Amino acid sequence: MFNIGPVSALCLEIPMAWVGSLELLYRLEDGRVRAIDRHHGPLRVLKAHHPEGPGLAEHVLVHPPGGLAGGDDLSVRVEVGAGAHARLSTPSATRFYRSLGEVARQDIELTIGAGAALEWLPLETLLHGQCRARSRLRARLAPGALFMGWDMVCLGLPASGDDFRSGSFEQDLEIEGMWVEAIRLEAQDQTLRRSPVGLNGRPVWGTLWSQNSSKQVRAVLPLFAFIRGRASLRLWLIHLRESTLRKARCLSCPEVTAPFPR
């Protein structure tokens, strides 16, 4: 019979955690946005490209382990210099997996300089049952900065039998000096999950915001029209600080399978 020695047994009892950080710096030089990245641990970006010309640099953030488990701690710092334009996305959902007790953390700091623009467009966050997740996003904007982004959260995977019956999620979204939103969700909190002023029984919600970016707002108006036309989707449009910040909130049901308009 195979005998596990004391050192091997100890290794099996101690869960391994990923600690990673990523720093991205964008600068406008001679009409071209140049990107500098530094990383520690698994977080990194693919090679920057310029899909709409030299004035816009686009990066895809990747996390090879595929998700966050208990004890993982990932941080992203982004600085977009004056006049530069950057777009950030992800190739797949951010997944928070089952935890044995430790909290998994993701911390994002965005700094956008005067006259600069940032589009923050990650795919959804998936919360697996029994996860313990903590997510924070904070943006600082200089005068004249443009910032558009979204955040989508899915509770469990209902089609696979994961209804997020246990677990917890804490999230903070902030545009410094303009908007702060926080959620503290325990899976067993049926008051928040079922209340009409809460999640109203829906396992998916999304938030879209736009600061000083009327062009981007016009571009997503067809999406708002699509949402309003679906019985299983609910949409709120909120104006904060008239003419500067606009925010939209949507609740969705898992049976929504029709694609959004492109």
Protein backbone atom coordinates (compact mmCIF):
# COMPACT_ATOMS: atom_id res chain seq x y z
CA MET A 1 0.00 0.00 0.00
CA PHE A 2 1.29 3.45 -0.91
CA ASN A 3 2.46 5.33 2.17
CA ILE A 4 2.40 9.14 2.18
CA GLY A 5 5.29 10.53 4.20
CA PRO A 6 4.81 13.33 6.72
CA VAL A 7 6.13 16.04 4.37
CA SER A 8 3.85 14.97 1.50
CA ALA A 9 0.85 14.76 3.82
CA LEU A 10 1.53 18.27 5.06
CA CYS A 11 1.65 19.56 1.47
CA LEU A 12 -1.72 17.98 0.77
CA GLU A 13 -3.29 19.71 3.77
CA ILE A 14 -2.08 23.22 2.86
CA PRO A 15 -3.97 24.69 -0.13
CA MET A 16 -1.81 26.52 -2.65
CA ALA A 17 -2.80 30.14 -3.35
CA TRP A 18 -1.94 32.39 -6.27
CA VAL A 19 -0.69 35.89 -5.52
CA GLY A 20 -0.33 38.03 -8.61
CA SER A 21 -0.11 41.64 -9.68
CA LEU A 22 -0.20 43.48 -12.99
CA GLU A 23 0.71 47.09 -13.75
CA LEU A 24 -0.20 48.73 -17.05
CA LEU A 25 0.94 52.17 -18.17
CA TYR A 26 -0.28 53.91 -21.34
CA ARG A 27 1.41 56.98 -22.79
CA LEU A 28 0.65 59.07 -25.88
CA GLU A 29 3.89 59.70 -27.77
CA ASP A 30 4.05 61.25 -31.24
CA GLY A 31 0.40 60.41 -31.92
CA ARG A 32 0.72 56.76 -30.89
CA VAL A 33 -0.34 55.15 -27.61
CA ARG A 34 2.48 53.06 -26.19
CA ALA A 35 1.91 50.47 -23.49
CA ILE A 36 4.24 49.28 -20.75
CA ASP A 37 3.35 46.28 -18.60
CA ARG A 38 4.91 44.70 -15.53
CA HIS A 39 3.62 41.58 -13.87
CA HIS A 40 4.31 39.32 -10.94
CA GLY A 41 2.76 35.87 -10.72
CA PRO A 42 0.19 34.51 -13.17
CA LEU A 43 -1.50 37.75 -14.24
CA ARG A 44 -0.39 39.16 -17.59
CA VAL A 45 -1.56 40.67 -20.86
CA LEU A 46 -1.34 39.60 -24.46
CA LYS A 47 0.57 41.80 -26.89
CA ALA A 48 -1.05 45.21 -27.33
CA HIS A 49 -2.65 45.96 -30.65
CA HIS A 50 -4.19 49.05 -32.24
CA PRO A 51 -7.48 47.98 -33.87
CA GLU A 52 -8.68 51.53 -34.60
CA GLY A 53 -5.40 53.24 -35.34
CA PRO A 54 -2.33 54.30 -33.35
CA GLY A 55 -4.35 56.47 -30.95
CA LEU A 56 -5.98 53.46 -29.21
CA ALA A 57 -4.11 50.62 -27.53
CA GLU A 58 -6.05 47.47 -26.66
CA HIS A 59 -4.97 44.76 -24.25
CA VAL A 60 -6.50 41.40 -23.25
CA LEU A 61 -5.89 40.44 -19.61
CA VAL A 62 -5.24 36.75 -19.02
CA HIS A 63 -5.01 34.62 -15.89
CA PRO A 64 -3.70 31.16 -16.93
CA PRO A 65 -4.90 29.33 -13.77
CA GLY A 66 -8.44 30.02 -15.03
CA GLY A 67 -10.03 31.47 -11.89
CA LEU A 68 -9.63 32.36 -8.24
CA ALA A 69 -9.85 29.92 -5.35
CA GLY A 70 -9.68 30.54 -1.61
CA GLY A 71 -6.58 32.48 -0.61
CA ASP A 72 -5.83 33.83 -4.10
CA ASP A 73 -5.03 37.56 -4.19
CA LEU A 74 -4.84 39.36 -7.55
CA SER A 75 -4.33 43.06 -8.14
CA VAL A 76 -4.41 45.16 -11.30
CA ARG A 77 -3.14 48.74 -11.54
CA VAL A 78 -3.81 50.74 -14.70
CA GLU A 79 -2.66 54.27 -15.50
CA VAL A 80 -3.71 56.00 -18.70
CA GLY A 81 -1.63 59.10 -19.30
CA ALA A 82 -2.93 62.44 -20.54
CA GLY A 83 -4.46 62.21 -24.00
CA ALA A 84 -4.00 58.43 -24.32
CA HIS A 85 -6.84 55.97 -25.08
CA ALA A 86 -6.82 52.37 -23.84
CA ARG A 87 -9.25 49.46 -23.96
CA LEU A 88 -9.05 46.43 -21.67
CA SER A 89 -10.96 43.16 -21.92
CA THR A 90 -10.70 39.51 -20.90
CA PRO A 91 -10.89 36.34 -23.04
CA SER A 92 -13.24 34.54 -20.65
CA ALA A 93 -15.24 34.92 -17.45
CA THR A 94 -13.60 35.62 -14.11
CA ARG A 95 -14.45 32.59 -11.96
CA PHE A 96 -14.47 32.41 -8.18
CA TYR A 97 -14.29 28.73 -7.23
CA ARG A 98 -15.33 26.82 -4.12
CA SER A 99 -13.32 27.74 -1.06
CA LEU A 100 -12.33 25.71 1.99
CA GLY A 101 -12.62 28.87 4.08
CA GLU A 102 -10.14 31.42 2.73
CA VAL A 103 -11.34 34.51 0.85
CA ALA A 104 -10.32 35.05 -2.78
CA ARG A 105 -9.59 38.70 -3.57
CA GLN A 106 -9.44 40.77 -6.73
CA ASP A 107 -8.44 44.44 -6.48
CA ILE A 108 -8.46 46.85 -9.44
CA GLU A 109 -7.18 50.45 -9.43
CA LEU A 110 -7.70 52.61 -12.52
CA THR A 111 -6.19 56.09 -12.98
CA ILE A 112 -7.19 58.12 -16.03
CA GLY A 113 -5.34 61.32 -16.86
CA ALA A 114 -6.57 64.63 -18.25
CA GLY A 115 -8.15 64.18 -21.67
CA ALA A 116 -7.44 60.43 -21.57
CA ALA A 117 -9.96 57.63 -22.15
CA LEU A 118 -10.35 54.11 -20.79
CA GLU A 119 -12.81 51.41 -21.82
CA TRP A 120 -13.02 48.68 -19.15
CA LEU A 121 -14.85 45.74 -20.77
CA PRO A 122 -14.23 42.42 -18.99
CA LEU A 123 -16.48 39.42 -19.44
CA GLU A 124 -18.75 38.33 -16.59
CA THR A 125 -17.83 37.21 -13.08
CA LEU A 126 -19.05 33.70 -12.23
CA LEU A 127 -19.57 32.85 -8.56
CA HIS A 128 -19.47 29.11 -8.01
CA GLY A 129 -21.26 27.63 -5.05
CA GLN A 130 -19.30 27.72 -1.75
CA CYS A 131 -16.98 30.44 -2.98
CA ARG A 132 -15.84 33.28 -0.74
CA ALA A 133 -15.16 36.19 -3.07
CA ARG A 134 -14.10 39.80 -2.58
CA SER A 135 -13.91 42.16 -5.58
CA ARG A 136 -13.04 45.84 -5.60
CA LEU A 137 -12.76 48.35 -8.46
CA ARG A 138 -11.79 51.98 -7.91
CA ALA A 139 -11.28 54.61 -10.62
CA ARG A 140 -9.70 58.05 -10.32
CA LEU A 141 -10.42 60.51 -13.11
CA ALA A 142 -8.61 63.75 -13.93
CA PRO A 143 -10.58 66.66 -15.43
CA GLY A 144 -11.78 65.86 -18.92
CA ALA A 145 -11.12 62.12 -18.59
CA LEU A 146 -13.46 59.66 -20.33
CA PHE A 147 -14.34 56.37 -18.67
CA MET A 148 -16.74 53.69 -19.82
CA GLY A 149 -17.05 50.24 -18.32
CA TRP A 150 -19.28 47.43 -17.23
CA ASP A 151 -19.50 44.75 -14.59
CA MET A 152 -21.59 41.56 -14.79
CA VAL A 153 -22.11 38.99 -12.03
CA CYS A 154 -23.64 35.49 -12.26
CA LEU A 155 -24.67 33.55 -9.15
CA GLY A 156 -23.75 29.93 -9.76
CA LEU A 157 -24.41 27.95 -12.92
CA PRO A 158 -28.14 27.11 -12.71
CA ALA A 159 -28.14 25.03 -15.90
CA SER A 160 -25.48 22.79 -14.31
CA GLY A 161 -27.31 22.46 -11.00
CA ASP A 162 -25.25 25.09 -9.16
CA ASP A 163 -27.79 27.54 -7.71
CA PHE A 164 -25.28 29.27 -5.41
CA ARG A 165 -26.91 27.85 -2.27
CA SER A 166 -23.87 28.62 -0.14
CA GLY A 167 -21.04 31.09 -0.40
CA SER A 168 -20.50 34.82 -0.11
CA PHE A 169 -19.65 37.77 -2.33
CA GLU A 170 -18.48 41.27 -1.45
CA GLN A 171 -18.08 43.92 -4.12
CA ASP A 172 -17.21 47.62 -4.19
CA LEU A 173 -17.43 49.76 -7.33
CA GLU A 174 -16.28 53.38 -7.10
CA ILE A 175 -15.58 56.34 -9.32
CA GLU A 176 -13.84 58.59 -6.85
CA GLY A 177 -15.89 61.62 -5.87
CA MET A 178 -18.87 60.63 -8.05
CA TRP A 179 -20.29 57.19 -7.36
CA VAL A 180 -19.88 54.39 -4.81
CA GLU A 181 -21.76 51.11 -4.89
CA ALA A 182 -21.29 48.18 -2.53
CA ILE A 183 -22.90 44.77 -2.21
CA ARG A 184 -22.55 42.25 0.62
CA LEU A 185 -24.26 39.03 -0.39
CA GLU A 186 -24.55 35.79 1.55
CA ALA A 187 -26.01 32.95 -0.48
CA GLN A 188 -28.56 32.21 2.26
CA ASP A 189 -29.80 35.83 2.34
CA GLN A 190 -33.15 35.24 0.66
CA THR A 191 -34.34 38.73 1.61
CA LEU A 192 -31.80 40.35 -0.70
CA ARG A 193 -32.02 37.66 -3.36
CA ARG A 194 -35.85 37.60 -3.56
CA SER A 195 -36.85 41.16 -2.71
CA PRO A 196 -38.23 43.38 -5.53
CA VAL A 197 -35.81 46.07 -4.36
CA GLY A 198 -32.96 43.53 -4.37
CA LEU A 199 -32.22 40.89 -6.99
CA ASN A 200 -35.90 39.93 -7.37
CA GLY A 201 -35.02 36.25 -7.70
CA ARG A 202 -32.65 36.80 -10.62
CA PRO A 203 -29.22 35.13 -10.65
CA VAL A 204 -27.55 37.60 -13.02
CA TRP A 205 -27.06 41.35 -12.84
CA GLY A 206 -25.00 43.84 -14.77
CA THR A 207 -23.98 47.47 -14.39
CA LEU A 208 -22.81 49.77 -17.17
CA TRP A 209 -21.43 53.24 -16.57
CA SER A 210 -20.24 56.06 -18.79
CA GLN A 211 -18.42 59.20 -17.67
CA ASN A 212 -17.97 62.09 -20.14
CA SER A 213 -18.43 59.68 -23.05
CA SER A 214 -21.62 60.57 -24.91
CA LYS A 215 -20.33 58.86 -28.06
CA GLN A 216 -20.09 55.53 -26.24
CA VAL A 217 -23.56 56.04 -24.73
CA ARG A 218 -25.07 56.50 -28.19
CA ALA A 219 -23.30 53.34 -29.33
CA VAL A 220 -25.05 51.21 -26.68
CA LEU A 221 -28.56 52.66 -27.12
CA PRO A 222 -29.53 49.67 -29.37
CA LEU A 223 -28.55 47.39 -26.48
CA PHE A 224 -30.86 49.28 -24.12
CA ALA A 225 -33.70 48.96 -26.64
CA PHE A 226 -33.05 45.21 -26.86
CA ILE A 227 -33.15 44.87 -23.07
CA ARG A 228 -36.40 46.81 -22.75
CA GLY A 229 -37.97 44.48 -25.30
CA ARG A 230 -37.24 41.31 -23.34
CA ALA A 231 -39.79 40.24 -20.72
CA SER A 232 -37.14 38.40 -18.71
CA LEU A 233 -34.85 41.41 -18.40
CA ARG A 234 -35.26 44.49 -16.22
CA LEU A 235 -33.39 47.73 -16.88
CA TRP A 236 -32.83 50.93 -14.92
CA LEU A 237 -31.17 54.02 -16.36
CA ILE A 238 -29.72 56.38 -13.77
CA HIS A 239 -28.14 59.79 -14.34
CA LEU A 240 -25.59 60.87 -11.77
CA ARG A 241 -24.16 64.36 -11.90
CA GLU A 242 -26.07 65.55 -14.91
CA SER A 243 -24.14 65.56 -18.19
CA THR A 244 -21.17 63.66 -16.72
CA LEU A 245 -21.94 60.20 -15.35
CA ARG A 246 -24.61 57.80 -16.60
CA LYS A 247 -25.26 54.37 -15.13
CA ALA A 248 -27.49 51.48 -16.21
CA ARG A 249 -28.44 48.40 -14.19
CA CYS A 250 -29.93 45.22 -15.60
CA LEU A 251 -31.28 42.04 -13.99
CA SER A 252 -31.50 38.92 -16.12
CA CYS A 253 -32.88 35.38 -15.93
CA PRO A 254 -30.85 32.32 -16.99
CA GLU A 255 -33.30 31.45 -19.75
CA VAL A 256 -32.21 34.48 -21.77
CA THR A 257 -30.29 32.92 -24.65
CA ALA A 258 -30.82 35.34 -27.54
CA PRO A 259 -27.62 37.19 -28.47
CA PHE A 260 -27.28 40.88 -27.81
CA PRO A 261 -27.25 43.06 -30.94
CA ARG A 262 -23.82 43.81 -32.39
